[in-house]
Amino acid sequence: MRKVLFTIILLSGVSFAQEPNPTITPDTRAVVKAADLPEMQGIPEFSDRSHFMSLAGSLRYRAYEHSGEWLSREQSVAALNEQVEASVESANR
């Protein structure tokens, strides 16, 4: 019985410790688009242009200001990554 309980606790701890895969969903994309957020590329982190926040935090705050809906940190990181990928693709054209 103790071994079973120990195994369950061990496995549940491993699943909580895993980093979630940051992906942007259509809902997140809609919130970011509806907030009409500027491109974050070129804005230095922790500067007055980012409201003295990280880029992910600044994006989350701006999305909340415009939509009243908070993005998770993972969603804001995924949105920033998508912005970078889009700018790289447009530069390669």
PDB file of N, CA and C in Angstrom:
ATOM      1  N   MET A   1       0.826  -1.196   0.000  1.00  0.00           N
ATOM      2  CA  MET A   1       0.000   0.000   0.000  1.00  0.00           C
ATOM      3  C   MET A   1       0.871   1.260   0.000  1.00  0.00           C
ATOM      4  N   ARG A   2       1.937   1.247   0.801  1.00  0.00           N
ATOM      5  CA  ARG A   2       2.821   2.409   0.851  1.00  0.00           C
ATOM      6  C   ARG A   2       3.516   2.625  -0.489  1.00  0.00           C
ATOM      7  N   LYS A   3       3.890   1.535  -1.146  1.00  0.00           N
ATOM      8  CA  LYS A   3       4.559   1.657  -2.438  1.00  0.00           C
ATOM      9  C   LYS A   3       3.632   2.265  -3.478  1.00  0.00           C
ATOM     10  N   VAL A   4       2.371   1.857  -3.446  1.00  0.00           N
ATOM     11  CA  VAL A   4       1.391   2.401  -4.391  1.00  0.00           C
ATOM     12  C   VAL A   4       1.184   3.885  -4.131  1.00  0.00           C
ATOM     13  N   LEU A   5       1.020   4.248  -2.875  1.00  0.00           N
ATOM     14  CA  LEU A   5       0.823   5.645  -2.514  1.00  0.00           C
ATOM     15  C   LEU A   5       2.050   6.482  -2.898  1.00  0.00           C
ATOM     16  N   PHE A   6       3.236   5.963  -2.613  1.00  0.00           N
ATOM     17  CA  PHE A   6       4.471   6.653  -2.962  1.00  0.00           C
ATOM     18  C   PHE A   6       4.580   6.854  -4.477  1.00  0.00           C
ATOM     19  N   THR A   7       4.222   5.829  -5.232  1.00  0.00           N
ATOM     20  CA  THR A   7       4.281   5.914  -6.695  1.00  0.00           C
ATOM     21  C   THR A   7       3.305   6.951  -7.218  1.00  0.00           C
ATOM     22  N   ILE A   8       2.109   6.989  -6.671  1.00  0.00           N
ATOM     23  CA  ILE A   8       1.106   7.981  -7.101  1.00  0.00           C
ATOM     24  C   ILE A   8       1.593   9.390  -6.805  1.00  0.00           C
ATOM     25  N   ILE A   9       2.132   9.600  -5.618  1.00  0.00           N
ATOM     26  CA  ILE A   9       2.629  10.931  -5.252  1.00  0.00           C
ATOM     27  C   ILE A   9       3.804  11.328  -6.142  1.00  0.00           C
ATOM     28  N   LEU A  10       4.687  10.389  -6.379  1.00  0.00           N
ATOM     29  CA  LEU A  10       5.849  10.658  -7.224  1.00  0.00           C
ATOM     30  C   LEU A  10       5.431  11.024  -8.644  1.00  0.00           C
ATOM     31  N   LEU A  11       4.517  10.268  -9.217  1.00  0.00           N
ATOM     32  CA  LEU A  11       4.080  10.540 -10.587  1.00  0.00           C
ATOM     33  C   LEU A  11       3.293  11.836 -10.694  1.00  0.00           C
ATOM     34  N   SER A  12       2.496  12.159  -9.697  1.00  0.00           N
ATOM     35  CA  SER A  12       1.743  13.414  -9.760  1.00  0.00           C
ATOM     36  C   SER A  12       2.684  14.605  -9.636  1.00  0.00           C
ATOM     37  N   GLY A  13       3.743  14.476  -8.853  1.00  0.00           N
ATOM     38  CA  GLY A  13       4.727  15.554  -8.743  1.00  0.00           C
ATOM     39  C   GLY A  13       5.468  15.776 -10.038  1.00  0.00           C
ATOM     40  N   VAL A  14       5.761  14.726 -10.762  1.00  0.00           N
ATOM     41  CA  VAL A  14       6.455  14.840 -12.042  1.00  0.00           C
ATOM     42  C   VAL A  14       5.578  15.540 -13.056  1.00  0.00           C
ATOM     43  N   SER A  15       4.292  15.241 -13.076  1.00  0.00           N
ATOM     44  CA  SER A  15       3.412  15.867 -14.058  1.00  0.00           C
ATOM     45  C   SER A  15       3.215  17.352 -13.768  1.00  0.00           C
ATOM     46  N   PHE A  16       3.235  17.758 -12.497  1.00  0.00           N
ATOM     47  CA  PHE A  16       3.101  19.175 -12.170  1.00  0.00           C
ATOM     48  C   PHE A  16       4.378  19.939 -12.466  1.00  0.00           C
ATOM     49  N   ALA A  17       5.503  19.273 -12.417  1.00  0.00           N
ATOM     50  CA  ALA A  17       6.788  19.939 -12.614  1.00  0.00           C
ATOM     51  C   ALA A  17       7.104  20.196 -14.080  1.00  0.00           C
ATOM     52  N   GLN A  18       6.381  19.571 -14.997  1.00  0.00           N
ATOM     53  CA  GLN A  18       6.682  19.749 -16.411  1.00  0.00           C
ATOM     54  C   GLN A  18       6.233  21.120 -16.893  1.00  0.00           C
ATOM     55  N   GLU A  19       7.053  21.723 -17.709  1.00  0.00           N
ATOM     56  CA  GLU A  19       6.753  23.033 -18.284  1.00  0.00           C
ATOM     57  C   GLU A  19       5.687  22.873 -19.352  1.00  0.00           C
ATOM     58  N   PRO A  20       4.612  23.655 -19.302  1.00  0.00           N
ATOM     59  CA  PRO A  20       3.606  23.552 -20.352  1.00  0.00           C
ATOM     60  C   PRO A  20       4.159  24.049 -21.685  1.00  0.00           C
ATOM     61  N   ASN A  21       3.683  23.476 -22.743  1.00  0.00           N
ATOM     62  CA  ASN A  21       4.114  23.874 -24.076  1.00  0.00           C
ATOM     63  C   ASN A  21       3.369  25.151 -24.457  1.00  0.00           C
ATOM     64  N   PRO A  22       4.077  26.281 -24.594  1.00  0.00           N
ATOM     65  CA  PRO A  22       3.377  27.522 -24.901  1.00  0.00           C
ATOM     66  C   PRO A  22       2.878  27.530 -26.344  1.00  0.00           C
ATOM     67  N   THR A  23       1.586  27.508 -26.497  1.00  0.00           N
ATOM     68  CA  THR A  23       0.993  27.605 -27.821  1.00  0.00           C
ATOM     69  C   THR A  23      -0.040  28.716 -27.793  1.00  0.00           C
ATOM     70  N   ILE A  24      -0.237  29.315 -28.915  1.00  0.00           N
ATOM     71  CA  ILE A  24      -1.233  30.372 -29.007  1.00  0.00           C
ATOM     72  C   ILE A  24      -2.475  29.811 -29.680  1.00  0.00           C
ATOM     73  N   THR A  25      -3.584  29.978 -29.025  1.00  0.00           N
ATOM     74  CA  THR A  25      -4.848  29.449 -29.527  1.00  0.00           C
ATOM     75  C   THR A  25      -5.563  30.532 -30.333  1.00  0.00           C
ATOM     76  N   PRO A  26      -6.569  30.148 -31.092  1.00  0.00           N
ATOM     77  CA  PRO A  26      -7.340  31.179 -31.803  1.00  0.00           C
ATOM     78  C   PRO A  26      -7.959  32.204 -30.856  1.00  0.00           C
ATOM     79  N   ASP A  27      -8.348  31.775 -29.644  1.00  0.00           N
ATOM     80  CA  ASP A  27      -8.910  32.718 -28.676  1.00  0.00           C
ATOM     81  C   ASP A  27      -7.869  33.744 -28.244  1.00  0.00           C
ATOM     82  N   THR A  28      -6.658  33.275 -27.977  1.00  0.00           N
ATOM     83  CA  THR A  28      -5.580  34.179 -27.591  1.00  0.00           C
ATOM     84  C   THR A  28      -5.252  35.128 -28.731  1.00  0.00           C
ATOM     85  N   ARG A  29      -5.189  34.593 -29.934  1.00  0.00           N
ATOM     86  CA  ARG A  29      -4.903  35.412 -31.113  1.00  0.00           C
ATOM     87  C   ARG A  29      -5.978  36.497 -31.261  1.00  0.00           C
ATOM     88  N   ALA A  30      -7.234  36.158 -30.978  1.00  0.00           N
ATOM     89  CA  ALA A  30      -8.328  37.120 -31.081  1.00  0.00           C
ATOM     90  C   ALA A  30      -8.191  38.215 -30.028  1.00  0.00           C
ATOM     91  N   VAL A  31      -7.801  37.843 -28.809  1.00  0.00           N
ATOM     92  CA  VAL A  31      -7.620  38.838 -27.744  1.00  0.00           C
ATOM     93  C   VAL A  31      -6.487  39.783 -28.102  1.00  0.00           C
ATOM     94  N   VAL A  32      -5.380  39.232 -28.582  1.00  0.00           N
ATOM     95  CA  VAL A  32      -4.233  40.061 -28.950  1.00  0.00           C
ATOM     96  C   VAL A  32      -4.600  40.978 -30.112  1.00  0.00           C
ATOM     97  N   LYS A  33      -5.305  40.454 -31.099  1.00  0.00           N
ATOM     98  CA  LYS A  33      -5.696  41.263 -32.257  1.00  0.00           C
ATOM     99  C   LYS A  33      -6.719  42.326 -31.862  1.00  0.00           C
ATOM    100  N   ALA A  34      -7.681  41.964 -31.019  1.00  0.00           N
ATOM    101  CA  ALA A  34      -8.709  42.915 -30.600  1.00  0.00           C
ATOM    102  C   ALA A  34      -8.115  44.048 -29.762  1.00  0.00           C
ATOM    103  N   ALA A  35      -7.053  43.721 -29.040  1.00  0.00           N
ATOM    104  CA  ALA A  35      -6.415  44.759 -28.222  1.00  0.00           C
ATOM    105  C   ALA A  35      -5.622  45.737 -29.077  1.00  0.00           C
ATOM    106  N   ASP A  36      -5.428  45.392 -30.361  1.00  0.00           N
ATOM    107  CA  ASP A  36      -4.705  46.252 -31.299  1.00  0.00           C
ATOM    108  C   ASP A  36      -3.349  46.650 -30.718  1.00  0.00           C
ATOM    109  N   LEU A  37      -2.630  45.622 -30.289  1.00  0.00           N
ATOM    110  CA  LEU A  37      -1.348  45.853 -29.642  1.00  0.00           C
ATOM    111  C   LEU A  37      -0.270  46.144 -30.664  1.00  0.00           C
ATOM    112  N   PRO A  38       0.644  47.044 -30.318  1.00  0.00           N
ATOM    113  CA  PRO A  38       1.751  47.313 -31.225  1.00  0.00           C
ATOM    114  C   PRO A  38       2.721  46.144 -31.219  1.00  0.00           C
ATOM    115  N   GLU A  39       3.536  46.083 -32.247  1.00  0.00           N
ATOM    116  CA  GLU A  39       4.590  45.080 -32.286  1.00  0.00           C
ATOM    117  C   GLU A  39       5.527  45.337 -31.112  1.00  0.00           C
ATOM    118  N   MET A  40       5.913  44.294 -30.433  1.00  0.00           N
ATOM    119  CA  MET A  40       6.774  44.437 -29.271  1.00  0.00           C
ATOM    120  C   MET A  40       8.248  44.336 -29.649  1.00  0.00           C
ATOM    121  N   GLN A  41       8.516  43.936 -30.887  1.00  0.00           N
ATOM    122  CA  GLN A  41       9.901  43.785 -31.320  1.00  0.00           C
ATOM    123  C   GLN A  41      10.573  45.151 -31.353  1.00  0.00           C
ATOM    124  N   GLY A  42      11.771  45.224 -30.815  1.00  0.00           N
ATOM    125  CA  GLY A  42      12.516  46.475 -30.783  1.00  0.00           C
ATOM    126  C   GLY A  42      12.281  47.277 -29.519  1.00  0.00           C
ATOM    127  N   ILE A  43      11.323  46.872 -28.711  1.00  0.00           N
ATOM    128  CA  ILE A  43      11.081  47.561 -27.445  1.00  0.00           C
ATOM    129  C   ILE A  43      11.934  46.888 -26.376  1.00  0.00           C
ATOM    130  N   PRO A  44      12.802  47.626 -25.711  1.00  0.00           N
ATOM    131  CA  PRO A  44      13.640  46.999 -24.690  1.00  0.00           C
ATOM    132  C   PRO A  44      12.830  46.643 -23.450  1.00  0.00           C
ATOM    133  N   GLU A  45      13.166  45.487 -22.889  1.00  0.00           N
ATOM    134  CA  GLU A  45      12.506  45.088 -21.651  1.00  0.00           C
ATOM    135  C   GLU A  45      12.863  46.043 -20.526  1.00  0.00           C
ATOM    136  N   PHE A  46      11.932  46.220 -19.601  1.00  0.00           N
ATOM    137  CA  PHE A  46      12.122  47.023 -18.395  1.00  0.00           C
ATOM    138  C   PHE A  46      12.483  48.473 -18.709  1.00  0.00           C
ATOM    139  N   SER A  47      11.946  48.978 -19.809  1.00  0.00           N
ATOM    140  CA  SER A  47      12.149  50.386 -20.167  1.00  0.00           C
ATOM    141  C   SER A  47      10.821  51.115 -20.021  1.00  0.00           C
ATOM    142  N   ASP A  48      10.855  52.418 -20.217  1.00  0.00           N
ATOM    143  CA  ASP A  48       9.601  53.165 -20.112  1.00  0.00           C
ATOM    144  C   ASP A  48       8.609  52.753 -21.196  1.00  0.00           C
ATOM    145  N   ARG A  49       9.098  52.324 -22.373  1.00  0.00           N
ATOM    146  CA  ARG A  49       8.194  51.899 -23.455  1.00  0.00           C
ATOM    147  C   ARG A  49       7.486  50.590 -23.143  1.00  0.00           C
ATOM    148  N   SER A  50       8.096  49.766 -22.271  1.00  0.00           N
ATOM    149  CA  SER A  50       7.445  48.513 -21.874  1.00  0.00           C
ATOM    150  C   SER A  50       6.833  48.637 -20.483  1.00  0.00           C
ATOM    151  N   HIS A  51       6.677  49.874 -20.020  1.00  0.00           N
ATOM    152  CA  HIS A  51       6.102  50.160 -18.699  1.00  0.00           C
ATOM    153  C   HIS A  51       6.916  49.503 -17.592  1.00  0.00           C
ATOM    154  N   PHE A  52       8.228  49.431 -17.798  1.00  0.00           N
ATOM    155  CA  PHE A  52       9.173  48.879 -16.827  1.00  0.00           C
ATOM    156  C   PHE A  52       8.844  47.431 -16.469  1.00  0.00           C
ATOM    157  N   MET A  53       8.332  46.694 -17.465  1.00  0.00           N
ATOM    158  CA  MET A  53       8.009  45.280 -17.303  1.00  0.00           C
ATOM    159  C   MET A  53       8.758  44.474 -18.353  1.00  0.00           C
ATOM    160  N   SER A  54       8.729  43.157 -18.180  1.00  0.00           N
ATOM    161  CA  SER A  54       9.234  42.283 -19.232  1.00  0.00           C
ATOM    162  C   SER A  54       8.303  42.429 -20.432  1.00  0.00           C
ATOM    163  N   LEU A  55       8.760  41.997 -21.601  1.00  0.00           N
ATOM    164  CA  LEU A  55       7.896  42.088 -22.784  1.00  0.00           C
ATOM    165  C   LEU A  55       6.641  41.240 -22.620  1.00  0.00           C
ATOM    166  N   ALA A  56       6.791  40.047 -22.043  1.00  0.00           N
ATOM    167  CA  ALA A  56       5.620  39.187 -21.820  1.00  0.00           C
ATOM    168  C   ALA A  56       4.646  39.850 -20.848  1.00  0.00           C
ATOM    169  N   GLY A  57       5.174  40.450 -19.799  1.00  0.00           N
ATOM    170  CA  GLY A  57       4.316  41.133 -18.827  1.00  0.00           C
ATOM    171  C   GLY A  57       3.649  42.361 -19.424  1.00  0.00           C
ATOM    172  N   SER A  58       4.394  43.098 -20.224  1.00  0.00           N
ATOM    173  CA  SER A  58       3.834  44.282 -20.873  1.00  0.00           C
ATOM    174  C   SER A  58       2.718  43.905 -21.846  1.00  0.00           C
ATOM    175  N   LEU A  59       2.937  42.841 -22.610  1.00  0.00           N
ATOM    176  CA  LEU A  59       1.906  42.371 -23.529  1.00  0.00           C
ATOM    177  C   LEU A  59       0.666  41.922 -22.767  1.00  0.00           C
ATOM    178  N   ARG A  60       0.858  41.190 -21.661  1.00  0.00           N
ATOM    179  CA  ARG A  60      -0.281  40.748 -20.845  1.00  0.00           C
ATOM    180  C   ARG A  60      -1.071  41.953 -20.334  1.00  0.00           C
ATOM    181  N   TYR A  61      -0.356  42.956 -19.824  1.00  0.00           N
ATOM    182  CA  TYR A  61      -1.020  44.128 -19.258  1.00  0.00           C
ATOM    183  C   TYR A  61      -1.780  44.914 -20.332  1.00  0.00           C
ATOM    184  N   ARG A  62      -1.145  45.108 -21.484  1.00  0.00           N
ATOM    185  CA  ARG A  62      -1.819  45.850 -22.565  1.00  0.00           C
ATOM    186  C   ARG A  62      -3.048  45.107 -23.071  1.00  0.00           C
ATOM    187  N   ALA A  63      -2.953  43.783 -23.159  1.00  0.00           N
ATOM    188  CA  ALA A  63      -4.121  43.005 -23.577  1.00  0.00           C
ATOM    189  C   ALA A  63      -5.237  43.136 -22.548  1.00  0.00           C
ATOM    190  N   TYR A  64      -4.893  43.130 -21.267  1.00  0.00           N
ATOM    191  CA  TYR A  64      -5.901  43.277 -20.218  1.00  0.00           C
ATOM    192  C   TYR A  64      -6.548  44.660 -20.259  1.00  0.00           C
ATOM    193  N   GLU A  65      -5.730  45.688 -20.478  1.00  0.00           N
ATOM    194  CA  GLU A  65      -6.280  47.047 -20.559  1.00  0.00           C
ATOM    195  C   GLU A  65      -7.323  47.173 -21.657  1.00  0.00           C
ATOM    196  N   HIS A  66      -7.081  46.523 -22.806  1.00  0.00           N
ATOM    197  CA  HIS A  66      -7.964  46.665 -23.948  1.00  0.00           C
ATOM    198  C   HIS A  66      -9.143  45.699 -23.931  1.00  0.00           C
ATOM    199  N   SER A  67      -8.931  44.492 -23.408  1.00  0.00           N
ATOM    200  CA  SER A  67      -9.988  43.485 -23.511  1.00  0.00           C
ATOM    201  C   SER A  67     -10.610  43.108 -22.174  1.00  0.00           C
ATOM    202  N   GLY A  68      -9.936  43.433 -21.080  1.00  0.00           N
ATOM    203  CA  GLY A  68     -10.426  43.025 -19.771  1.00  0.00           C
ATOM    204  C   GLY A  68     -10.176  41.552 -19.486  1.00  0.00           C
ATOM    205  N   GLU A  69      -9.393  40.916 -20.334  1.00  0.00           N
ATOM    206  CA  GLU A  69      -9.098  39.495 -20.190  1.00  0.00           C
ATOM    207  C   GLU A  69      -7.593  39.312 -20.059  1.00  0.00           C
ATOM    208  N   TRP A  70      -7.193  38.596 -19.000  1.00  0.00           N
ATOM    209  CA  TRP A  70      -5.775  38.352 -18.780  1.00  0.00           C
ATOM    210  C   TRP A  70      -5.298  37.187 -19.621  1.00  0.00           C
ATOM    211  N   LEU A  71      -4.174  37.353 -20.286  1.00  0.00           N
ATOM    212  CA  LEU A  71      -3.489  36.249 -20.945  1.00  0.00           C
ATOM    213  C   LEU A  71      -2.592  35.579 -19.908  1.00  0.00           C
ATOM    214  N   SER A  72      -2.392  34.290 -20.038  1.00  0.00           N
ATOM    215  CA  SER A  72      -1.424  33.633 -19.167  1.00  0.00           C
ATOM    216  C   SER A  72      -0.026  34.022 -19.645  1.00  0.00           C
ATOM    217  N   ARG A  73       0.970  33.782 -18.815  1.00  0.00           N
ATOM    218  CA  ARG A  73       2.334  34.088 -19.221  1.00  0.00           C
ATOM    219  C   ARG A  73       2.709  33.273 -20.452  1.00  0.00           C
ATOM    220  N   GLU A  74       2.280  32.014 -20.464  1.00  0.00           N
ATOM    221  CA  GLU A  74       2.596  31.138 -21.596  1.00  0.00           C
ATOM    222  C   GLU A  74       1.971  31.673 -22.885  1.00  0.00           C
ATOM    223  N   GLN A  75       0.736  32.175 -22.791  1.00  0.00           N
ATOM    224  CA  GLN A  75       0.072  32.728 -23.970  1.00  0.00           C
ATOM    225  C   GLN A  75       0.781  33.982 -24.467  1.00  0.00           C
ATOM    226  N   SER A  76       1.220  34.837 -23.546  1.00  0.00           N
ATOM    227  CA  SER A  76       1.898  36.060 -23.986  1.00  0.00           C
ATOM    228  C   SER A  76       3.264  35.741 -24.599  1.00  0.00           C
ATOM    229  N   VAL A  77       3.975  34.753 -24.042  1.00  0.00           N
ATOM    230  CA  VAL A  77       5.254  34.343 -24.629  1.00  0.00           C
ATOM    231  C   VAL A  77       5.018  33.768 -26.019  1.00  0.00           C
ATOM    232  N   ALA A  78       3.974  32.956 -26.173  1.00  0.00           N
ATOM    233  CA  ALA A  78       3.663  32.391 -27.486  1.00  0.00           C
ATOM    234  C   ALA A  78       3.290  33.491 -28.477  1.00  0.00           C
ATOM    235  N   ALA A  79       2.555  34.501 -28.030  1.00  0.00           N
ATOM    236  CA  ALA A  79       2.186  35.614 -28.910  1.00  0.00           C
ATOM    237  C   ALA A  79       3.428  36.402 -29.328  1.00  0.00           C
ATOM    238  N   LEU A  80       4.362  36.610 -28.398  1.00  0.00           N
ATOM    239  CA  LEU A  80       5.606  37.298 -28.732  1.00  0.00           C
ATOM    240  C   LEU A  80       6.420  36.487 -29.728  1.00  0.00           C
ATOM    241  N   ASN A  81       6.489  35.172 -29.511  1.00  0.00           N
ATOM    242  CA  ASN A  81       7.217  34.306 -30.446  1.00  0.00           C
ATOM    243  C   ASN A  81       6.588  34.351 -31.831  1.00  0.00           C
ATOM    244  N   GLU A  82       5.259  34.409 -31.880  1.00  0.00           N
ATOM    245  CA  GLU A  82       4.569  34.485 -33.170  1.00  0.00           C
ATOM    246  C   GLU A  82       4.879  35.802 -33.871  1.00  0.00           C
ATOM    247  N   GLN A  83       4.968  36.886 -33.108  1.00  0.00           N
ATOM    248  CA  GLN A  83       5.325  38.177 -33.699  1.00  0.00           C
ATOM    249  C   GLN A  83       6.724  38.120 -34.298  1.00  0.00           C
ATOM    250  N   VAL A  84       7.653  37.497 -33.587  1.00  0.00           N
ATOM    251  CA  VAL A  84       9.027  37.390 -34.074  1.00  0.00           C
ATOM    252  C   VAL A  84       9.067  36.540 -35.333  1.00  0.00           C
ATOM    253  N   GLU A  85       8.366  35.410 -35.325  1.00  0.00           N
ATOM    254  CA  GLU A  85       8.341  34.536 -36.505  1.00  0.00           C
ATOM    255  C   GLU A  85       7.732  35.255 -37.703  1.00  0.00           C
ATOM    256  N   ALA A  86       6.678  36.025 -37.482  1.00  0.00           N
ATOM    257  CA  ALA A  86       6.043  36.753 -38.578  1.00  0.00           C
ATOM    258  C   ALA A  86       6.979  37.812 -39.149  1.00  0.00           C
ATOM    259  N   SER A  87       7.732  38.480 -38.292  1.00  0.00           N
ATOM    260  CA  SER A  87       8.645  39.504 -38.800  1.00  0.00           C
ATOM    261  C   SER A  87       9.819  38.880 -39.545  1.00  0.00           C
ATOM    262  N   VAL A  88      10.262  37.715 -39.111  1.00  0.00           N
ATOM    263  CA  VAL A  88      11.342  37.009 -39.816  1.00  0.00           C
ATOM    264  C   VAL A  88      10.851  36.553 -41.189  1.00  0.00           C
ATOM    265  N   GLU A  89       9.624  36.024 -41.244  1.00  0.00           N
ATOM    266  CA  GLU A  89       9.070  35.586 -42.530  1.00  0.00           C
ATOM    267  C   GLU A  89       8.903  36.754 -43.492  1.00  0.00           C
ATOM    268  N   SER A  90       8.439  37.896 -42.986  1.00  0.00           N
ATOM    269  CA  SER A  90       8.262  39.048 -43.871  1.00  0.00           C
ATOM    270  C   SER A  90       9.609  39.610 -44.329  1.00  0.00           C
ATOM    271  N   ALA A  91      10.631  39.479 -43.495  1.00  0.00           N
ATOM    272  CA  ALA A  91      11.962  39.970 -43.884  1.00  0.00           C
ATOM    273  C   ALA A  91      12.592  39.051 -44.936  1.00  0.00           C
ATOM    274  N   ASN A  92      12.219  37.780 -44.940  1.00  0.00           N
ATOM    275  CA  ASN A  92      12.776  36.833 -45.898  1.00  0.00           C
ATOM    276  C   ASN A  92      12.085  36.897 -47.259  1.00  0.00           C
ATOM    277  N   ARG A  93      11.025  37.639 -47.371  1.00  0.00           N
ATOM    278  CA  ARG A  93      10.285  37.722 -48.646  1.00  0.00           C
ATOM    279  C   ARG A  93      10.912  38.692 -49.589  1.00  0.00           C
TER     280      ARG A  93
END
